C-alpha cells in the first residue's frame, strides 16, 4: 500500500517526538488521535528505520515501543507488516548504515522475544486455542505450519562426536565468536545462527538433513 504524502508527514512527527521525549503515553495518544489505523505498519517501519543509525538508548526505545503499543493502539498484523516492509528496505538502508543487517536482526530478535503478537497469531492459526497442547503429534503438526525446516542444536551436538555442553561451551569448541552482551535476545540469536552454520561442517556428507524437524527429548530423538 502506498501512503499519501500527508500520511507520511503525520507519522514522522510522532516518531521524532517519541525519540525526543521517550513518552510512550504521548505516542499512544498521538497515534490514536491520528486515526490512521490502516497505516500503523508504516509507523512501526519508520520508528525502527529511524533508530538504525542512532545510539543504544534510541535503539532500545525503538525495540520496546511495539510491545508497549500492542493491543491498545497497534495490532499484531500491523507490527508484522511493519517489519516485513522494513526488511524489504534493508538494502537501501545499508547504503548509509553498513551494519544495517546486523542491527535489524537484533530488532527482529527483540520483537520475537517480547512477542506480544506471536500468541495472537498462533491462536488464530490454530483456531483460537489459548492453551499449549500436550500431544506430541499435534505439537509437531503445528510446528511444521510455521517452520518448514527446524534444527535443534542440542540434538545436533548429541549425535556429533565430541561436541557437548551449553551454547557458550559449544561456541568455544567451534571457535565461534559472539557479538554484544551474552544472555540477551539479539546477541544470543546471532550466536545461535553462527553456531549452527559452523556446526553443519561436521556433517560434510549432508547428513544434517536427517536431523531436520527433530527436537531434543521429543519425538524421534
Protein backbone atom coordinates (compact mmCIF):
# COMPACT_ATOMS: atom_id res chain seq x y z
CA UNK A 1 0.00 0.00 0.00
CA UNK A 2 1.38 3.43 -0.96
CA UNK A 3 0.88 6.17 1.58
CA UNK A 4 -0.02 9.70 0.65
CA UNK A 5 2.45 12.47 1.48
CA UNK A 6 0.24 13.87 4.24
CA UNK A 7 0.13 10.44 5.93
CA UNK A 8 3.92 10.17 5.81
CA UNK A 9 4.11 13.67 7.24
CA UNK A 10 1.63 12.89 10.00
CA UNK A 11 3.52 9.83 11.25
CA UNK A 12 7.04 11.31 11.14
CA UNK A 13 6.49 13.99 13.85
CA UNK A 14 5.17 11.35 16.26
CA UNK A 15 8.32 9.30 15.75
CA UNK A 16 10.52 12.38 16.22
CA UNK A 17 8.66 13.40 19.38
CA UNK A 18 8.97 9.91 20.84
CA UNK A 19 12.74 9.83 20.37
CA UNK A 20 12.96 13.28 21.95
CA UNK A 21 10.76 12.67 24.99
CA UNK A 22 10.61 8.89 25.35
CA UNK A 23 6.95 9.35 26.28
CA UNK A 24 5.06 6.18 25.33
CA UNK A 25 1.73 7.54 26.55
CA UNK A 26 2.10 10.60 24.32
CA UNK A 27 2.95 8.43 21.31
CA UNK A 28 -0.08 6.27 22.10
CA UNK A 29 -2.35 9.31 22.32
CA UNK A 30 -0.99 10.88 19.13
CA UNK A 31 -1.34 7.66 17.12
CA UNK A 32 -4.89 7.14 18.32
CA UNK A 33 -5.75 10.77 17.61
CA UNK A 34 -4.28 10.46 14.11
CA UNK A 35 -6.99 7.91 13.27
CA UNK A 36 -4.96 6.19 10.54
CA UNK A 37 -5.20 2.63 11.79
CA UNK A 38 -4.57 1.09 8.39
CA UNK A 39 -1.17 2.83 8.25
CA UNK A 40 0.17 1.84 11.65
CA UNK A 41 2.54 -0.57 9.93
CA UNK A 42 4.31 2.47 8.47
CA UNK A 43 4.76 3.90 11.97
CA UNK A 44 6.49 0.66 13.03
CA UNK A 45 8.77 0.79 9.99
CA UNK A 46 9.51 4.49 10.44
CA UNK A 47 10.49 4.33 14.10
CA UNK A 48 12.72 1.27 13.64
CA UNK A 49 14.41 2.61 10.50
CA UNK A 50 15.00 5.94 12.28
CA UNK A 51 16.73 4.13 15.15
CA UNK A 52 19.05 2.07 12.93
CA UNK A 53 21.84 4.67 12.95
CA UNK A 54 21.11 6.06 16.42
CA UNK A 55 22.76 5.29 19.75
CA UNK A 56 21.97 2.33 22.01
CA UNK A 57 19.40 4.32 24.00
CA UNK A 58 17.32 5.12 20.91
CA UNK A 59 17.62 1.54 19.66
CA UNK A 60 16.27 0.26 22.98
CA UNK A 61 13.42 2.78 22.83
CA UNK A 62 12.50 1.63 19.33
CA UNK A 63 12.70 -2.04 20.36
CA UNK A 64 10.38 -1.56 23.31
CA UNK A 65 7.71 0.55 21.61
CA UNK A 66 5.90 -2.14 19.54
CA UNK A 67 5.17 -4.16 22.70
CA UNK A 68 4.02 -1.03 24.54
CA UNK A 69 1.60 -0.09 21.75
CA UNK A 70 0.33 -3.60 21.06
CA UNK A 71 -3.42 -4.18 21.58
CA UNK A 72 -4.02 -0.68 22.95
CA UNK A 73 -3.26 1.00 19.62
CA UNK A 74 -1.48 -1.27 17.15
CA UNK A 75 -2.49 -4.78 16.12
CA UNK A 76 -0.28 -7.83 15.64
CA UNK A 77 -0.78 -7.69 11.87
CA UNK A 78 0.41 -4.07 11.76
CA UNK A 79 3.57 -4.96 13.70
CA UNK A 80 4.26 -7.91 11.40
CA UNK A 81 3.57 -5.85 8.27
CA UNK A 82 5.82 -3.05 9.51
CA UNK A 83 8.74 -5.41 9.99
CA UNK A 84 8.15 -7.08 6.62
CA UNK A 85 8.37 -3.81 4.69
CA UNK A 86 11.29 -2.74 6.89
CA UNK A 87 13.26 -5.86 5.97
CA UNK A 88 12.36 -5.23 2.34
CA UNK A 89 14.11 -1.86 2.54
CA UNK A 90 17.25 -3.21 4.25
CA UNK A 91 19.35 -2.91 1.09
CA UNK A 92 18.56 0.79 0.79
CA UNK A 93 19.26 1.42 4.48
CA UNK A 94 22.60 -0.37 4.17
CA UNK A 95 23.83 2.31 1.76
CA UNK A 96 24.10 4.73 4.69
CA UNK A 97 24.41 2.28 7.59
CA UNK A 98 26.80 -0.56 6.77
CA UNK A 99 25.75 -2.81 9.65
CA UNK A 100 22.04 -2.50 8.85
CA UNK A 101 21.52 -6.26 8.52
CA UNK A 102 23.05 -6.97 11.93
CA UNK A 103 21.08 -4.16 13.57
CA UNK A 104 17.78 -5.25 12.02
CA UNK A 105 18.47 -8.82 13.15
CA UNK A 106 18.65 -7.55 16.72
CA UNK A 107 15.36 -5.67 16.35
CA UNK A 108 13.65 -8.75 14.92
CA UNK A 109 15.04 -10.94 17.70
CA UNK A 110 13.79 -8.47 20.31
CA UNK A 111 10.26 -8.29 18.95
CA UNK A 112 10.13 -12.10 18.75
CA UNK A 113 11.23 -12.44 22.36
CA UNK A 114 8.81 -9.75 23.57
CA UNK A 115 6.34 -11.38 21.18
CA UNK A 116 3.02 -9.74 22.03
CA UNK A 117 1.74 -10.52 18.53
CA UNK A 118 3.03 -14.08 18.50
CA UNK A 119 0.45 -15.54 20.86
CA UNK A 120 -2.39 -13.86 18.99
CA UNK A 121 -1.16 -15.07 15.61
CA UNK A 122 -0.63 -18.62 16.85
CA UNK A 123 -4.05 -18.73 18.45
CA UNK A 124 -5.70 -17.57 15.23
CA UNK A 125 -3.73 -20.04 13.14
CA UNK A 126 -4.73 -22.90 15.43
CA UNK A 127 -8.37 -21.93 15.61
CA UNK A 128 -8.37 -19.73 18.68
CA UNK A 129 -6.79 -22.13 21.16
CA UNK A 130 -5.06 -20.42 24.05
CA UNK A 131 -3.54 -23.49 25.71
CA UNK A 132 -0.39 -25.42 24.87
CA UNK A 133 -1.10 -28.87 23.52
CA UNK A 134 0.43 -31.81 25.37
CA UNK A 135 0.01 -34.14 22.40
CA UNK A 136 3.32 -34.50 20.54
CA UNK A 137 1.69 -35.28 17.21
CA UNK A 138 -0.38 -32.08 17.33
CA UNK A 139 2.63 -30.13 18.52
CA UNK A 140 4.83 -31.23 15.61
CA UNK A 141 2.00 -30.62 13.16
CA UNK A 142 1.69 -27.05 14.48
CA UNK A 143 5.47 -26.64 14.36
CA UNK A 144 5.57 -27.57 10.67
CA UNK A 145 2.87 -25.00 9.90
CA UNK A 146 5.28 -22.24 10.87
CA UNK A 147 8.74 -23.67 10.24
CA UNK A 148 9.44 -25.85 7.23
CA UNK A 149 12.92 -26.74 8.49
CA UNK A 150 13.79 -26.83 12.18
CA UNK A 151 17.14 -27.88 13.58
CA UNK A 152 17.70 -28.31 17.31
CA UNK A 153 21.34 -27.54 18.14
CA UNK A 154 21.23 -29.72 21.24
CA UNK A 155 20.12 -32.69 19.13
CA UNK A 156 22.82 -31.97 16.55
CA UNK A 157 25.52 -31.82 19.20
CA UNK A 158 24.30 -35.06 20.74
CA UNK A 159 24.95 -37.05 17.57
CA UNK A 160 28.07 -35.13 16.54
CA UNK A 161 31.13 -36.74 18.13
CA UNK A 162 32.82 -34.86 20.98
CA UNK A 163 30.52 -31.82 20.89
CA UNK A 164 28.69 -31.23 24.14
CA UNK A 165 27.64 -28.65 26.73
CA UNK A 166 25.62 -25.44 26.57
CA UNK A 167 25.73 -22.74 23.91
CA UNK A 168 28.72 -20.90 25.39
CA UNK A 169 30.78 -24.08 25.71
CA UNK A 170 29.81 -25.19 22.22
CA UNK A 171 30.81 -21.87 20.68
CA UNK A 172 34.19 -22.22 22.36
CA UNK A 173 34.69 -25.70 20.91
CA UNK A 174 33.71 -24.48 17.45
CA UNK A 175 35.67 -21.24 17.65
CA UNK A 176 32.59 -19.08 17.07
CA UNK A 177 32.81 -15.51 18.37
CA UNK A 178 29.75 -13.78 19.75
CA UNK A 179 28.62 -10.18 19.27
CA UNK A 180 27.35 -7.95 22.04
CA UNK A 181 26.43 -8.98 25.58
CA UNK A 182 25.76 -12.64 26.39
CA UNK A 183 22.32 -13.82 27.53
CA UNK A 184 20.46 -11.11 25.63
CA UNK A 185 17.96 -11.96 22.92
CA UNK A 186 19.65 -10.30 19.94
CA UNK A 187 23.28 -11.36 20.51
CA UNK A 188 22.26 -14.89 21.53
CA UNK A 189 20.11 -15.26 18.41
CA UNK A 190 23.01 -14.24 16.17
CA UNK A 191 25.36 -16.51 18.12
CA UNK A 192 22.98 -19.45 17.70
CA UNK A 193 22.76 -18.85 13.94
CA UNK A 194 26.55 -18.65 13.59
CA UNK A 195 26.98 -21.78 15.71
CA UNK A 196 24.50 -23.75 13.60
CA UNK A 197 26.27 -22.69 10.40
CA UNK A 198 29.63 -23.80 11.79
CA UNK A 199 28.18 -27.00 13.23
CA UNK A 200 26.94 -28.11 9.81
CA UNK A 201 30.54 -28.60 8.73
CA UNK A 202 30.71 -31.75 10.83
CA UNK A 203 28.05 -33.18 8.51
CA UNK A 204 30.11 -32.94 5.32
CA UNK A 205 28.02 -35.57 3.55
CA UNK A 206 24.79 -33.65 4.07
CA UNK A 207 23.52 -35.96 6.80
CA UNK A 208 22.43 -32.95 8.86
CA UNK A 209 19.20 -33.12 6.87
CA UNK A 210 18.19 -36.22 8.83
CA UNK A 211 18.09 -34.06 11.95
CA UNK A 212 15.53 -31.69 10.45
CA UNK A 213 12.35 -31.48 12.49
CA UNK A 214 13.79 -33.38 15.46
CA UNK A 215 13.72 -31.68 18.85
CA UNK A 216 15.86 -32.90 21.71
CA UNK A 217 13.78 -35.00 24.10
CA UNK A 218 10.73 -35.08 21.82
CA UNK A 219 9.63 -37.33 19.01
CA UNK A 220 12.29 -39.40 17.24
CA UNK A 221 15.28 -38.50 19.40
